[in-house]
C-alpha atoms as a PDB file:
ATOM      1  CA  MET A   1      46.828  24.412  38.106  1.00  0.00           C
ATOM      2  CA  ARG A   2      47.824  26.148  34.443  1.00  0.00           C
ATOM      3  CA  PRO A   3      44.600  28.622  33.003  1.00  0.00           C
ATOM      4  CA  SER A   4      44.868  26.837  29.281  1.00  0.00           C
ATOM      5  CA  LEU A   5      44.344  23.557  31.608  1.00  0.00           C
ATOM      6  CA  ILE A   6      40.402  24.743  32.526  1.00  0.00           C
ATOM      7  CA  PRO A   7      38.328  25.273  29.752  1.00  0.00           C
ATOM      8  CA  ALA A   8      39.932  21.170  28.394  1.00  0.00           C
ATOM      9  CA  LEU A   9      39.099  19.995  32.161  1.00  0.00           C
ATOM     10  CA  ALA A  10      35.454  21.302  31.404  1.00  0.00           C
ATOM     11  CA  ALA A  11      34.981  20.300  28.131  1.00  0.00           C
ATOM     12  CA  ILE A  12      36.103  16.099  29.594  1.00  0.00           C
ATOM     13  CA  SER A  13      33.779  16.650  32.146  1.00  0.00           C
ATOM     14  CA  LEU A  14      30.987  17.850  30.519  1.00  0.00           C
ATOM     15  CA  LEU A  15      31.614  14.460  27.638  1.00  0.00           C
ATOM     16  CA  ALA A  16      31.309  12.855  30.876  1.00  0.00           C
ATOM     17  CA  GLY A  17      28.332  13.130  31.763  1.00  0.00           C
ATOM     18  CA  CYS A  18      26.873  12.227  28.194  1.00  0.00           C
ATOM     19  CA  SER A  19      26.223   9.062  27.594  1.00  0.00           C
ATOM     20  CA  PHE A  20      27.382   7.763  24.795  1.00  0.00           C
ATOM     21  CA  ASN A  21      24.826   6.199  22.787  1.00  0.00           C
ATOM     22  CA  SER A  22      23.353   9.897  23.112  1.00  0.00           C
ATOM     23  CA  ILE A  23      25.840  10.932  20.834  1.00  0.00           C
ATOM     24  CA  THR A  24      26.275   8.004  18.443  1.00  0.00           C
ATOM     25  CA  ASP A  25      22.550   8.515  17.508  1.00  0.00           C
ATOM     26  CA  ARG A  26      23.026  11.888  16.687  1.00  0.00           C
ATOM     27  CA  ILE A  27      25.486  11.515  14.533  1.00  0.00           C
ATOM     28  CA  THR A  28      24.518   9.399  10.863  1.00  0.00           C
ATOM     29  CA  PRO A  29      26.734   8.848   8.824  1.00  0.00           C
ATOM     30  CA  TYR A  30      26.513   9.702   4.921  1.00  0.00           C
ATOM     31  CA  ARG A  31      24.819   7.296   2.366  1.00  0.00           C
ATOM     32  CA  ILE A  32      24.389   7.981  -1.063  1.00  0.00           C
ATOM     33  CA  ASP A  33      21.516   7.157  -3.384  1.00  0.00           C
ATOM     34  CA  VAL A  34      22.047   3.622  -4.934  1.00  0.00           C
ATOM     35  CA  ARG A  35      20.395   3.289  -8.676  1.00  0.00           C
ATOM     36  CA  GLN A  36      21.026  -0.087  -9.567  1.00  0.00           C
ATOM     37  CA  GLY A  37      19.012  -1.836 -12.989  1.00  0.00           C
ATOM     38  CA  ASN A  38      16.804  -0.488 -15.224  1.00  0.00           C
ATOM     39  CA  TYR A  39      15.398   2.780 -15.275  1.00  0.00           C
ATOM     40  CA  VAL A  40      12.154   2.120 -17.264  1.00  0.00           C
ATOM     41  CA  ASP A  41       9.097   5.080 -17.005  1.00  0.00           C
ATOM     42  CA  GLN A  42       5.984   5.665 -18.324  1.00  0.00           C
ATOM     43  CA  SER A  43       6.761   7.784 -21.461  1.00  0.00           C
ATOM     44  CA  MET A  44       9.540   4.895 -23.219  1.00  0.00           C
ATOM     45  CA  VAL A  45       6.490   2.698 -22.033  1.00  0.00           C
ATOM     46  CA  ALA A  46       3.986   4.833 -24.191  1.00  0.00           C
ATOM     47  CA  GLN A  47       7.033   4.284 -27.547  1.00  0.00           C
ATOM     48  CA  LEU A  48       5.754   0.327 -27.591  1.00  0.00           C
ATOM     49  CA  LYS A  49       4.241  -0.474 -30.035  1.00  0.00           C
ATOM     50  CA  ARG A  50       2.509  -3.755 -30.596  1.00  0.00           C
ATOM     51  CA  GLY A  51       4.323  -5.896 -33.612  1.00  0.00           C
ATOM     52  CA  MET A  52       8.340  -3.946 -32.626  1.00  0.00           C
ATOM     53  CA  THR A  53      11.170  -5.979 -33.125  1.00  0.00           C
ATOM     54  CA  ARG A  54      13.116  -6.900 -30.074  1.00  0.00           C
ATOM     55  CA  ASP A  55      15.561  -4.267 -31.262  1.00  0.00           C
ATOM     56  CA  GLN A  56      13.456  -1.286 -31.631  1.00  0.00           C
ATOM     57  CA  VAL A  57      11.617  -2.614 -28.298  1.00  0.00           C
ATOM     58  CA  ARG A  58      15.917  -2.928 -27.461  1.00  0.00           C
ATOM     59  CA  PHE A  59      15.809   0.643 -28.728  1.00  0.00           C
ATOM     60  CA  VAL A  60      13.519   2.384 -26.376  1.00  0.00           C
ATOM     61  CA  LEU A  61      13.732   0.656 -23.131  1.00  0.00           C
ATOM     62  CA  GLY A  62      17.797  -0.415 -23.207  1.00  0.00           C
ATOM     63  CA  SER A  63      18.910  -3.936 -23.295  1.00  0.00           C
ATOM     64  CA  PRO A  64      16.982  -5.841 -20.079  1.00  0.00           C
ATOM     65  CA  LEU A  65      18.326  -6.447 -17.276  1.00  0.00           C
ATOM     66  CA  VAL A  66      17.671  -9.991 -16.711  1.00  0.00           C
ATOM     67  CA  THR A  67      17.224 -12.500 -19.936  1.00  0.00           C
ATOM     68  CA  ASP A  68      15.557 -16.471 -19.058  1.00  0.00           C
ATOM     69  CA  VAL A  69      17.234 -18.859 -20.817  1.00  0.00           C
ATOM     70  CA  PHE A  70      14.808 -21.336 -21.186  1.00  0.00           C
ATOM     71  CA  ARG A  71      12.494 -18.034 -22.048  1.00  0.00           C
ATOM     72  CA  THR A  72      13.739 -16.552 -24.794  1.00  0.00           C
ATOM     73  CA  ASP A  73      10.180 -14.847 -25.339  1.00  0.00           C
ATOM     74  CA  ARG A  74      10.401 -13.305 -21.791  1.00  0.00           C
ATOM     75  CA  TRP A  75      12.862  -9.746 -20.830  1.00  0.00           C
ATOM     76  CA  ASP A  76      11.893  -8.625 -18.093  1.00  0.00           C
ATOM     77  CA  TYR A  77      13.525  -5.050 -16.547  1.00  0.00           C
ATOM     78  CA  VAL A  78      14.311  -4.635 -12.910  1.00  0.00           C
ATOM     79  CA  TYR A  79      14.606  -1.346 -11.268  1.00  0.00           C
ATOM     80  CA  ARG A  80      16.349  -0.548  -7.289  1.00  0.00           C
ATOM     81  CA  PHE A  81      16.633   2.730  -6.584  1.00  0.00           C
ATOM     82  CA  ARG A  82      18.091   3.005  -2.004  1.00  0.00           C
ATOM     83  CA  PRO A  83      18.784   6.013  -1.369  1.00  0.00           C
ATOM     84  CA  GLY A  84      20.826   7.007   1.443  1.00  0.00           C
ATOM     85  CA  GLN A  85      17.736   7.640   3.568  1.00  0.00           C
ATOM     86  CA  GLY A  86      14.113   6.564   3.055  1.00  0.00           C
ATOM     87  CA  GLU A  87      12.278   4.185   1.259  1.00  0.00           C
ATOM     88  CA  VAL A  88      13.415   1.596  -1.251  1.00  0.00           C
ATOM     89  CA  GLU A  89      11.868   1.650  -4.824  1.00  0.00           C
ATOM     90  CA  GLN A  90      12.146  -0.646  -7.151  1.00  0.00           C
ATOM     91  CA  ARG A  91      10.431  -1.242 -10.419  1.00  0.00           C
ATOM     92  CA  VAL A  92       9.885  -4.661 -12.402  1.00  0.00           C
ATOM     93  CA  ILE A  93       9.040  -4.368 -16.136  1.00  0.00           C
ATOM     94  CA  SER A  94       8.182  -7.897 -18.250  1.00  0.00           C
ATOM     95  CA  VAL A  95       7.951  -6.784 -22.521  1.00  0.00           C
ATOM     96  CA  PHE A  96       6.740 -10.308 -23.679  1.00  0.00           C
ATOM     97  CA  PHE A  97       6.949 -10.950 -27.219  1.00  0.00           C
ATOM     98  CA  ALA A  98       5.426 -13.983 -29.994  1.00  0.00           C
ATOM     99  CA  GLY A  99       8.105 -15.075 -32.739  1.00  0.00           C
ATOM    100  CA  ASP A 100      10.020 -11.920 -32.669  1.00  0.00           C
ATOM    101  CA  ARG A 101       7.882  -9.909 -31.992  1.00  0.00           C
ATOM    102  CA  LEU A 102       6.443  -6.910 -29.099  1.00  0.00           C
ATOM    103  CA  ASP A 103       3.179  -9.280 -27.897  1.00  0.00           C
ATOM    104  CA  ARG A 104       2.557  -7.492 -24.544  1.00  0.00           C
ATOM    105  CA  VAL A 105       3.712  -5.492 -21.423  1.00  0.00           C
ATOM    106  CA  GLU A 106       3.623  -6.279 -17.897  1.00  0.00           C
ATOM    107  CA  GLY A 107       4.637  -4.681 -15.205  1.00  0.00           C
ATOM    108  CA  ASP A 108       4.341  -2.526 -12.028  1.00  0.00           C
ATOM    109  CA  VAL A 109       5.750   1.370 -14.357  1.00  0.00           C
ATOM    110  CA  THR A 110       3.902   4.389 -13.721  1.00  0.00           C
ATOM    111  CA  GLY A 111       3.947   7.778 -14.856  1.00  0.00           C
ATOM    112  CA  GLY A 112       6.340  10.605 -13.649  1.00  0.00           C
ATOM    113  CA  ASP A 113       3.107  12.884 -11.682  1.00  0.00           C
ATOM    114  CA  ALA A 114       1.846  12.665  -7.909  1.00  0.00           C
ATOM    115  CA  LYS A 115      -1.488  11.583  -8.567  1.00  0.00           C
ATOM    116  CA  ALA A 116      -0.632   8.508 -11.019  1.00  0.00           C
ATOM    117  CA  GLN A 117       1.538   7.530  -8.152  1.00  0.00           C
ATOM    118  CA  ALA A 118      -0.591   7.541  -5.207  1.00  0.00           C
ATOM    119  CA  GLU A 119      -2.957   5.687  -7.771  1.00  0.00           C
ATOM    120  CA  ALA A 120      -0.736   3.253  -8.814  1.00  0.00           C
ATOM    121  CA  GLN A 121      -0.196   2.440  -4.534  1.00  0.00           C
ATOM    122  CA  GLN A 122      -3.522   1.682  -4.120  1.00  0.00           C
ATOM    123  CA  SER A 123      -4.049  -0.523  -6.886  1.00  0.00           C
ATOM    124  CA  ALA A 124      -2.601  -3.984  -7.488  1.00  0.00           C
ATOM    125  CA  ARG A 125       1.592  -4.001  -7.704  1.00  0.00           C
ATOM    126  CA  SER A 126       1.222  -5.872 -11.123  1.00  0.00           C
ATOM    127  CA  ARG A 127      -0.839  -4.440 -14.061  1.00  0.00           C
ATOM    128  CA  THR A 128      -1.060  -5.194 -17.685  1.00  0.00           C
ATOM    129  CA  VAL A 129      -0.050  -2.118 -19.798  1.00  0.00           C
ATOM    130  CA  GLU A 130      -1.960  -2.345 -23.251  1.00  0.00           C
ATOM    131  CA  ILE A 131       0.502  -1.340 -26.405  1.00  0.00           C
ATOM    132  CA  PRO A 132      -1.278  -0.426 -29.289  1.00  0.00           C
ATOM    133  CA  ALA A 133      -1.354  -2.236 -32.755  1.00  0.00           C
ATOM    134  CA  ALA A 134       1.356  -0.263 -35.123  1.00  0.00           C
ATOM    135  CA  ALA A 135      -0.363   1.522 -37.604  1.00  0.00           C
ATOM    136  CA  LYS A 136      -0.709   0.222 -41.288  1.00  0.00           C
ATOM    137  CA  ASN A 137       1.175   2.067 -44.247  1.00  0.00           C
END
């Protein structure tokens, strides 16, 4: 037998002793982070003022992901983040108009700090965000 075949035969015999499932359990494919929709955070919501026009709201939050043809007084901003490893995160915020002016905002957007996120997870999934009226000039 050739001396160069001995290491190859040893490697083949070791692999034959391993089960195929134990090898595939240890090898995981790389999965990319997938972000979909409109990312809206608390700082963006804080810029909203009751009485803003639709164009002003669009400037602050961007174009809405969902606009209902039958209910033109509501815009929905949906954000979904699916990390390669870990839990899926989804945020939904709805902006309501009275006529062409901003009336109220509802959704599950929270602040960026860990304490605010922990409090939001303990509270209800959906909440109404109070927006102050625009200052009179």
